[in-house]
């Protein structure tokens, strides 16, 4: 589908999201508060504090995801402006 994107994760995210392939489903958009989002938890450090898996999406992947969002919103005419 033009609103789905196959995202390759190398290395994979921590369990239970540890599949090397993740799917971006841009037709399932939601608005949420940053306070309600949780980063994937890796382990606890020597002080007992949690360590999180923080990553950035590659620019080429992010461009494709933006295209998927525009497709999902029916704004395909704007893809040329990305």
C-alpha atoms as a PDB file:
ATOM      1  CA  UNK A   1       0.000   0.000   0.000  1.00  0.00           C
ATOM      2  CA  UNK A   2       1.299   3.522  -0.671  1.00  0.00           C
ATOM      3  CA  UNK A   3       0.729   4.464   2.970  1.00  0.00           C
ATOM      4  CA  UNK A   4       2.851   1.601   4.387  1.00  0.00           C
ATOM      5  CA  UNK A   5       6.640   1.560   4.642  1.00  0.00           C
ATOM      6  CA  UNK A   6       8.949  -1.340   5.477  1.00  0.00           C
ATOM      7  CA  UNK A   7      11.552   0.029   7.892  1.00  0.00           C
ATOM      8  CA  UNK A   8      14.736  -1.989   8.435  1.00  0.00           C
ATOM      9  CA  UNK A   9      16.047  -1.732  12.013  1.00  0.00           C
ATOM     10  CA  UNK A  10      19.775  -2.474  12.413  1.00  0.00           C
ATOM     11  CA  UNK A  11      20.413  -3.453  15.108  1.00  0.00           C
ATOM     12  CA  UNK A  12      16.893  -4.525  16.084  1.00  0.00           C
ATOM     13  CA  UNK A  13      15.084  -2.764  18.899  1.00  0.00           C
ATOM     14  CA  UNK A  14      14.955  -4.403  22.349  1.00  0.00           C
ATOM     15  CA  UNK A  15      12.412  -7.132  23.112  1.00  0.00           C
ATOM     16  CA  UNK A  16       9.418  -7.216  22.460  1.00  0.00           C
ATOM     17  CA  UNK A  17      10.051  -5.011  19.381  1.00  0.00           C
ATOM     18  CA  UNK A  18      13.110  -6.998  18.316  1.00  0.00           C
ATOM     19  CA  UNK A  19      12.134  -7.785  14.730  1.00  0.00           C
ATOM     20  CA  UNK A  20      14.630  -6.433  12.193  1.00  0.00           C
ATOM     21  CA  UNK A  21      11.667  -5.350  10.045  1.00  0.00           C
ATOM     22  CA  UNK A  22       9.167  -2.806  11.384  1.00  0.00           C
ATOM     23  CA  UNK A  23       6.211  -1.464   9.425  1.00  0.00           C
ATOM     24  CA  UNK A  24       5.230   2.188   9.360  1.00  0.00           C
ATOM     25  CA  UNK A  25       1.464   2.365   8.913  1.00  0.00           C
ATOM     26  CA  UNK A  26       0.961   6.014   8.023  1.00  0.00           C
ATOM     27  CA  UNK A  27      -2.814   5.624   7.721  1.00  0.00           C
ATOM     28  CA  UNK A  28      -2.997   5.133  11.509  1.00  0.00           C
ATOM     29  CA  UNK A  29      -1.994   8.613  12.669  1.00  0.00           C
ATOM     30  CA  UNK A  30      -2.608   9.754  16.225  1.00  0.00           C
ATOM     31  CA  UNK A  31      -1.889  12.855  18.262  1.00  0.00           C
ATOM     32  CA  UNK A  32      -0.363  12.073  21.642  1.00  0.00           C
ATOM     33  CA  UNK A  33       1.488  13.969  24.339  1.00  0.00           C
ATOM     34  CA  UNK A  34       5.247  13.400  24.671  1.00  0.00           C
ATOM     35  CA  UNK A  35       4.595  12.687  28.362  1.00  0.00           C
ATOM     36  CA  UNK A  36       2.562   9.612  27.348  1.00  0.00           C
ATOM     37  CA  UNK A  37       5.281   8.133  25.150  1.00  0.00           C
ATOM     38  CA  UNK A  38       7.807   5.654  26.538  1.00  0.00           C
ATOM     39  CA  UNK A  39      11.180   4.845  24.980  1.00  0.00           C
ATOM     40  CA  UNK A  40      12.189   1.183  24.671  1.00  0.00           C
ATOM     41  CA  UNK A  41      13.880   0.126  27.916  1.00  0.00           C
ATOM     42  CA  UNK A  42      17.250  -1.655  27.574  1.00  0.00           C
ATOM     43  CA  UNK A  43      18.550  -2.316  31.092  1.00  0.00           C
ATOM     44  CA  UNK A  44      19.405  -0.669  34.376  1.00  0.00           C
ATOM     45  CA  UNK A  45      22.817   0.903  34.875  1.00  0.00           C
ATOM     46  CA  UNK A  46      25.037   0.388  37.936  1.00  0.00           C
ATOM     47  CA  UNK A  47      23.093   3.109  39.812  1.00  0.00           C
ATOM     48  CA  UNK A  48      19.779   1.349  39.175  1.00  0.00           C
ATOM     49  CA  UNK A  49      18.556   3.916  36.637  1.00  0.00           C
ATOM     50  CA  UNK A  50      16.958   2.726  33.433  1.00  0.00           C
ATOM     51  CA  UNK A  51      18.802   3.038  30.131  1.00  0.00           C
ATOM     52  CA  UNK A  52      16.738   3.587  27.006  1.00  0.00           C
ATOM     53  CA  UNK A  53      17.260   2.819  23.324  1.00  0.00           C
ATOM     54  CA  UNK A  54      17.287   6.227  21.607  1.00  0.00           C
ATOM     55  CA  UNK A  55      17.662   6.293  17.813  1.00  0.00           C
ATOM     56  CA  UNK A  56      17.269   8.602  14.871  1.00  0.00           C
ATOM     57  CA  UNK A  57      15.677   7.512  11.617  1.00  0.00           C
ATOM     58  CA  UNK A  58      17.889   7.762   8.551  1.00  0.00           C
ATOM     59  CA  UNK A  59      17.012  10.803   6.375  1.00  0.00           C
ATOM     60  CA  UNK A  60      16.124   8.624   3.344  1.00  0.00           C
ATOM     61  CA  UNK A  61      13.761   6.497   5.468  1.00  0.00           C
ATOM     62  CA  UNK A  62      12.208   9.618   6.988  1.00  0.00           C
ATOM     63  CA  UNK A  63      11.537  11.045   3.507  1.00  0.00           C
ATOM     64  CA  UNK A  64       9.738   7.814   2.531  1.00  0.00           C
ATOM     65  CA  UNK A  65       7.699   7.955   5.747  1.00  0.00           C
ATOM     66  CA  UNK A  66       6.658  11.539   4.937  1.00  0.00           C
ATOM     67  CA  UNK A  67       5.535  10.321   1.500  1.00  0.00           C
ATOM     68  CA  UNK A  68       3.466   7.588   3.162  1.00  0.00           C
ATOM     69  CA  UNK A  69       1.784  10.149   5.454  1.00  0.00           C
ATOM     70  CA  UNK A  70       0.896  12.357   2.476  1.00  0.00           C
ATOM     71  CA  UNK A  71      -0.519   9.311   0.663  1.00  0.00           C
ATOM     72  CA  UNK A  72      -2.589   8.387   3.712  1.00  0.00           C
ATOM     73  CA  UNK A  73      -4.001  11.919   3.935  1.00  0.00           C
ATOM     74  CA  UNK A  74      -4.853  11.993   0.225  1.00  0.00           C
ATOM     75  CA  UNK A  75      -2.278  14.731  -0.424  1.00  0.00           C
ATOM     76  CA  UNK A  76      -0.204  12.902  -3.025  1.00  0.00           C
ATOM     77  CA  UNK A  77       0.122  16.093  -5.097  1.00  0.00           C
ATOM     78  CA  UNK A  78       2.441  17.470  -2.366  1.00  0.00           C
ATOM     79  CA  UNK A  79       4.975  14.614  -2.582  1.00  0.00           C
ATOM     80  CA  UNK A  80       6.934  16.461  -5.274  1.00  0.00           C
ATOM     81  CA  UNK A  81       7.637  19.265  -2.760  1.00  0.00           C
ATOM     82  CA  UNK A  82       9.404  17.025  -0.233  1.00  0.00           C
END
